[in-house]
C-alpha atoms as a PDB file:
ATOM      1  CA  UNK A   1     -34.643 -10.516  70.284  1.00  0.00           C
ATOM      2  CA  UNK A   2     -37.141  -9.255  67.707  1.00  0.00           C
ATOM      3  CA  UNK A   3     -36.530  -8.767  63.973  1.00  0.00           C
ATOM      4  CA  UNK A   4     -38.405  -5.797  62.472  1.00  0.00           C
ATOM      5  CA  UNK A   5     -39.302  -5.076  58.854  1.00  0.00           C
ATOM      6  CA  UNK A   6     -39.961  -1.351  58.358  1.00  0.00           C
ATOM      7  CA  UNK A   7     -41.446   0.527  55.424  1.00  0.00           C
ATOM      8  CA  UNK A   8     -43.364   3.694  54.670  1.00  0.00           C
ATOM      9  CA  UNK A   9     -45.140   5.572  51.919  1.00  0.00           C
ATOM     10  CA  UNK A  10     -46.411   2.638  49.892  1.00  0.00           C
ATOM     11  CA  UNK A  11     -49.198   4.861  48.506  1.00  0.00           C
ATOM     12  CA  UNK A  12     -51.324   1.825  47.513  1.00  0.00           C
ATOM     13  CA  UNK A  13     -48.375   0.119  45.780  1.00  0.00           C
ATOM     14  CA  UNK A  14     -47.813  -3.574  46.425  1.00  0.00           C
ATOM     15  CA  UNK A  15     -44.512  -5.255  45.653  1.00  0.00           C
ATOM     16  CA  UNK A  16     -44.018  -9.006  46.194  1.00  0.00           C
ATOM     17  CA  UNK A  17     -40.545  -8.123  47.470  1.00  0.00           C
ATOM     18  CA  UNK A  18     -42.186  -6.939  50.715  1.00  0.00           C
ATOM     19  CA  UNK A  19     -43.135 -10.511  51.459  1.00  0.00           C
ATOM     20  CA  UNK A  20     -39.711 -11.830  50.421  1.00  0.00           C
ATOM     21  CA  UNK A  21     -37.793  -9.422  52.677  1.00  0.00           C
ATOM     22  CA  UNK A  22     -40.210  -9.515  55.623  1.00  0.00           C
ATOM     23  CA  UNK A  23     -40.892 -13.264  55.872  1.00  0.00           C
ATOM     24  CA  UNK A  24     -37.965 -13.723  58.287  1.00  0.00           C
ATOM     25  CA  UNK A  25     -39.110 -10.788  60.460  1.00  0.00           C
ATOM     26  CA  UNK A  26     -41.183 -11.061  63.636  1.00  0.00           C
ATOM     27  CA  UNK A  27     -43.150  -7.851  63.024  1.00  0.00           C
ATOM     28  CA  UNK A  28     -43.746  -5.398  60.197  1.00  0.00           C
ATOM     29  CA  UNK A  29     -44.004  -1.676  60.921  1.00  0.00           C
ATOM     30  CA  UNK A  30     -45.518   0.798  58.445  1.00  0.00           C
ATOM     31  CA  UNK A  31     -44.836   4.501  59.070  1.00  0.00           C
ATOM     32  CA  UNK A  32     -47.877   5.836  57.219  1.00  0.00           C
ATOM     33  CA  UNK A  33     -49.243   6.694  53.787  1.00  0.00           C
ATOM     34  CA  UNK A  34     -50.318   3.117  53.363  1.00  0.00           C
ATOM     35  CA  UNK A  35     -52.842   4.126  50.737  1.00  0.00           C
ATOM     36  CA  UNK A  36     -55.219   1.170  50.842  1.00  0.00           C
ATOM     37  CA  UNK A  37     -56.689  -1.428  53.149  1.00  0.00           C
ATOM     38  CA  UNK A  38     -55.522  -4.100  50.707  1.00  0.00           C
ATOM     39  CA  UNK A  39     -51.843  -3.182  51.239  1.00  0.00           C
ATOM     40  CA  UNK A  40     -52.326  -3.216  55.020  1.00  0.00           C
ATOM     41  CA  UNK A  41     -54.127  -6.568  54.889  1.00  0.00           C
ATOM     42  CA  UNK A  42     -51.448  -8.135  52.700  1.00  0.00           C
ATOM     43  CA  UNK A  43     -48.690  -6.946  55.051  1.00  0.00           C
ATOM     44  CA  UNK A  44     -50.620  -8.238  58.070  1.00  0.00           C
ATOM     45  CA  UNK A  45     -50.960 -11.611  56.370  1.00  0.00           C
ATOM     46  CA  UNK A  46     -47.145 -11.919  56.337  1.00  0.00           C
ATOM     47  CA  UNK A  47     -46.420 -10.986  59.969  1.00  0.00           C
ATOM     48  CA  UNK A  48     -48.083  -8.959  62.739  1.00  0.00           C
ATOM     49  CA  UNK A  49     -48.428  -5.350  61.547  1.00  0.00           C
ATOM     50  CA  UNK A  50     -48.003  -2.174  63.566  1.00  0.00           C
ATOM     51  CA  UNK A  51     -48.885   0.887  61.516  1.00  0.00           C
ATOM     52  CA  UNK A  52     -49.869   4.540  61.694  1.00  0.00           C
ATOM     53  CA  UNK A  53     -51.895   6.519  59.215  1.00  0.00           C
ATOM     54  CA  UNK A  54     -50.339   9.191  57.051  1.00  0.00           C
ATOM     55  CA  UNK A  55     -51.586  12.376  55.477  1.00  0.00           C
ATOM     56  CA  UNK A  56     -52.846  10.655  52.283  1.00  0.00           C
ATOM     57  CA  UNK A  57     -54.694   7.891  54.118  1.00  0.00           C
ATOM     58  CA  UNK A  58     -58.484   7.983  54.045  1.00  0.00           C
ATOM     59  CA  UNK A  59     -60.980   7.376  56.830  1.00  0.00           C
ATOM     60  CA  UNK A  60     -60.920   3.594  56.474  1.00  0.00           C
ATOM     61  CA  UNK A  61     -57.167   3.429  57.184  1.00  0.00           C
ATOM     62  CA  UNK A  62     -57.534   6.058  59.933  1.00  0.00           C
ATOM     63  CA  UNK A  63     -60.096   3.832  61.675  1.00  0.00           C
ATOM     64  CA  UNK A  64     -57.699   0.871  61.469  1.00  0.00           C
ATOM     65  CA  UNK A  65     -54.531   2.608  62.671  1.00  0.00           C
ATOM     66  CA  UNK A  66     -53.713   5.534  64.991  1.00  0.00           C
ATOM     67  CA  UNK A  67     -51.773   8.691  64.153  1.00  0.00           C
ATOM     68  CA  UNK A  68     -49.044   7.666  66.600  1.00  0.00           C
ATOM     69  CA  UNK A  69     -47.949   4.399  68.148  1.00  0.00           C
ATOM     70  CA  UNK A  70     -45.860   4.501  71.305  1.00  0.00           C
ATOM     71  CA  UNK A  71     -44.899   1.187  72.872  1.00  0.00           C
ATOM     72  CA  UNK A  72     -42.088  -0.736  74.513  1.00  0.00           C
ATOM     73  CA  UNK A  73     -40.675  -3.739  72.703  1.00  0.00           C
ATOM     74  CA  UNK A  74     -37.711  -5.849  73.775  1.00  0.00           C
ATOM     75  CA  UNK A  75     -36.670  -3.160  76.268  1.00  0.00           C
ATOM     76  CA  UNK A  76     -36.838  -0.248  73.785  1.00  0.00           C
ATOM     77  CA  UNK A  77     -39.288   2.658  73.971  1.00  0.00           C
ATOM     78  CA  UNK A  78     -40.519   3.148  70.380  1.00  0.00           C
ATOM     79  CA  UNK A  79     -42.548   5.955  68.816  1.00  0.00           C
ATOM     80  CA  UNK A  80     -43.898   5.625  65.263  1.00  0.00           C
ATOM     81  CA  UNK A  81     -45.598   8.535  63.509  1.00  0.00           C
ATOM     82  CA  UNK A  82     -45.869   9.626  59.891  1.00  0.00           C
ATOM     83  CA  UNK A  83     -44.790  13.276  59.958  1.00  0.00           C
ATOM     84  CA  UNK A  84     -41.985  13.571  62.482  1.00  0.00           C
ATOM     85  CA  UNK A  85     -39.058  15.390  60.926  1.00  0.00           C
ATOM     86  CA  UNK A  86     -35.587  14.333  61.990  1.00  0.00           C
ATOM     87  CA  UNK A  87     -32.860  15.256  64.504  1.00  0.00           C
ATOM     88  CA  UNK A  88     -32.282  18.981  64.448  1.00  0.00           C
ATOM     89  CA  UNK A  89     -35.526  19.579  62.550  1.00  0.00           C
ATOM     90  CA  UNK A  90     -38.374  17.774  64.276  1.00  0.00           C
ATOM     91  CA  UNK A  91     -41.916  18.499  63.087  1.00  0.00           C
ATOM     92  CA  UNK A  92     -43.817  21.031  65.248  1.00  0.00           C
ATOM     93  CA  UNK A  93     -46.460  18.473  66.239  1.00  0.00           C
ATOM     94  CA  UNK A  94     -43.895  16.098  67.816  1.00  0.00           C
ATOM     95  CA  UNK A  95     -41.576  18.660  69.429  1.00  0.00           C
ATOM     96  CA  UNK A  96     -43.309  18.983  72.827  1.00  0.00           C
ATOM     97  CA  UNK A  97     -43.410  15.217  73.438  1.00  0.00           C
ATOM     98  CA  UNK A  98     -40.045  14.318  71.897  1.00  0.00           C
ATOM     99  CA  UNK A  99     -38.184  16.885  74.000  1.00  0.00           C
ATOM    100  CA  UNK A 100     -40.109  16.152  77.203  1.00  0.00           C
ATOM    101  CA  UNK A 101     -40.193  12.359  76.874  1.00  0.00           C
ATOM    102  CA  UNK A 102     -37.894  11.131  74.102  1.00  0.00           C
ATOM    103  CA  UNK A 103     -38.215   7.516  72.969  1.00  0.00           C
ATOM    104  CA  UNK A 104     -35.193   5.325  72.358  1.00  0.00           C
ATOM    105  CA  UNK A 105     -36.324   4.820  68.744  1.00  0.00           C
ATOM    106  CA  UNK A 106     -38.218   7.425  66.724  1.00  0.00           C
ATOM    107  CA  UNK A 107     -39.648   6.180  63.404  1.00  0.00           C
ATOM    108  CA  UNK A 108     -41.384   8.309  60.791  1.00  0.00           C
ATOM    109  CA  UNK A 109     -41.997   8.505  57.064  1.00  0.00           C
ATOM    110  CA  UNK A 110     -43.507  11.251  54.896  1.00  0.00           C
ATOM    111  CA  UNK A 111     -40.353  12.774  53.383  1.00  0.00           C
ATOM    112  CA  UNK A 112     -39.627   9.792  51.083  1.00  0.00           C
ATOM    113  CA  UNK A 113     -35.992  10.329  52.125  1.00  0.00           C
ATOM    114  CA  UNK A 114     -34.211   7.363  53.691  1.00  0.00           C
ATOM    115  CA  UNK A 115     -32.496   8.524  56.849  1.00  0.00           C
ATOM    116  CA  UNK A 116     -30.963   6.710  59.807  1.00  0.00           C
ATOM    117  CA  UNK A 117     -29.490   9.144  62.289  1.00  0.00           C
ATOM    118  CA  UNK A 118     -28.580   9.135  65.964  1.00  0.00           C
ATOM    119  CA  UNK A 119     -29.658  12.193  67.956  1.00  0.00           C
ATOM    120  CA  UNK A 120     -27.036  12.610  70.707  1.00  0.00           C
ATOM    121  CA  UNK A 121     -29.013  15.478  72.274  1.00  0.00           C
ATOM    122  CA  UNK A 122     -32.017  13.251  72.948  1.00  0.00           C
ATOM    123  CA  UNK A 123     -30.116   9.939  72.986  1.00  0.00           C
ATOM    124  CA  UNK A 124     -32.432   8.390  70.400  1.00  0.00           C
ATOM    125  CA  UNK A 125     -32.136   6.639  67.069  1.00  0.00           C
ATOM    126  CA  UNK A 126     -34.197   8.108  64.252  1.00  0.00           C
ATOM    127  CA  UNK A 127     -35.183   5.934  61.274  1.00  0.00           C
ATOM    128  CA  UNK A 128     -37.082   7.010  58.178  1.00  0.00           C
ATOM    129  CA  UNK A 129     -37.173   4.019  55.795  1.00  0.00           C
ATOM    130  CA  UNK A 130     -37.732   6.186  52.730  1.00  0.00           C
ATOM    131  CA  UNK A 131     -40.571   5.270  50.384  1.00  0.00           C
ATOM    132  CA  UNK A 132     -41.465   1.722  49.311  1.00  0.00           C
ATOM    133  CA  UNK A 133     -44.120   2.790  46.823  1.00  0.00           C
ATOM    134  CA  UNK A 134     -44.005   4.291  43.365  1.00  0.00           C
ATOM    135  CA  UNK A 135     -45.645   7.654  44.044  1.00  0.00           C
ATOM    136  CA  UNK A 136     -43.457  10.663  44.866  1.00  0.00           C
ATOM    137  CA  UNK A 137     -40.212  12.321  43.904  1.00  0.00           C
ATOM    138  CA  UNK A 138     -37.868   9.603  45.240  1.00  0.00           C
ATOM    139  CA  UNK A 139     -35.905   7.575  42.704  1.00  0.00           C
ATOM    140  CA  UNK A 140     -35.003   4.447  44.651  1.00  0.00           C
ATOM    141  CA  UNK A 141     -37.684   2.537  46.597  1.00  0.00           C
ATOM    142  CA  UNK A 142     -36.409   1.360  49.974  1.00  0.00           C
ATOM    143  CA  UNK A 143     -37.245  -0.492  53.149  1.00  0.00           C
ATOM    144  CA  UNK A 144     -35.302  -1.294  56.313  1.00  0.00           C
ATOM    145  CA  UNK A 145     -34.789  -4.363  58.498  1.00  0.00           C
ATOM    146  CA  UNK A 146     -33.223  -4.390  61.947  1.00  0.00           C
ATOM    147  CA  UNK A 147     -33.153  -6.245  65.249  1.00  0.00           C
ATOM    148  CA  UNK A 148     -34.066  -5.048  68.709  1.00  0.00           C
ATOM    149  CA  UNK A 149     -32.189  -7.054  71.307  1.00  0.00           C
ATOM    150  CA  UNK A 150     -32.548  -6.145  74.972  1.00  0.00           C
ATOM    151  CA  UNK A 151     -33.031  -2.451  74.175  1.00  0.00           C
ATOM    152  CA  UNK A 152     -30.258  -2.299  71.592  1.00  0.00           C
ATOM    153  CA  UNK A 153     -30.659  -1.864  67.839  1.00  0.00           C
ATOM    154  CA  UNK A 154     -28.561  -4.197  65.711  1.00  0.00           C
ATOM    155  CA  UNK A 155     -28.089  -5.608  62.214  1.00  0.00           C
ATOM    156  CA  UNK A 156     -29.748  -2.684  60.443  1.00  0.00           C
ATOM    157  CA  UNK A 157     -30.085  -3.277  56.709  1.00  0.00           C
ATOM    158  CA  UNK A 158     -31.238  -0.876  54.007  1.00  0.00           C
ATOM    159  CA  UNK A 159     -32.835  -2.746  51.126  1.00  0.00           C
ATOM    160  CA  UNK A 160     -33.242  -1.161  47.718  1.00  0.00           C
ATOM    161  CA  UNK A 161     -36.334  -2.441  45.954  1.00  0.00           C
ATOM    162  CA  UNK A 162     -35.563  -0.854  42.600  1.00  0.00           C
ATOM    163  CA  UNK A 163     -36.160   2.400  40.839  1.00  0.00           C
ATOM    164  CA  UNK A 164     -39.677   3.707  40.908  1.00  0.00           C
ATOM    165  CA  UNK A 165     -39.871   4.481  37.197  1.00  0.00           C
END
């Protein structure tokens, strides 16, 4: 059983609440648009960090993290990318792979829209944790926590960090 803390679109913003909510997690996942090495380093100081770069991330972040991460954890095939779309409207760059070899869990960011949705066509769970930073059109800053237990996803929590204004 592994407890995951998930966030995206921090855009250089640090909030001490990240540490508060992720200290009980086993890993932290960041779905891109990290914005600065400092944010990545601070997250990695809390728990092991798996991250991908996003469209706003510069070369330093792109050297640290890949565009996509695909791995198996606790019996679940996981794919993390920044621009991925969502069930029924996947981004063009992920369509070939997601339809040919769908993961069990597909995680992305970019839209700043919190979305947790099951795709019955591909038998996968899609999670976009919304945006944890203060840059963008979103009103509420959010992150997600959940457990992976023997290939099953459990105890999913959406955490509101406060309004961005």
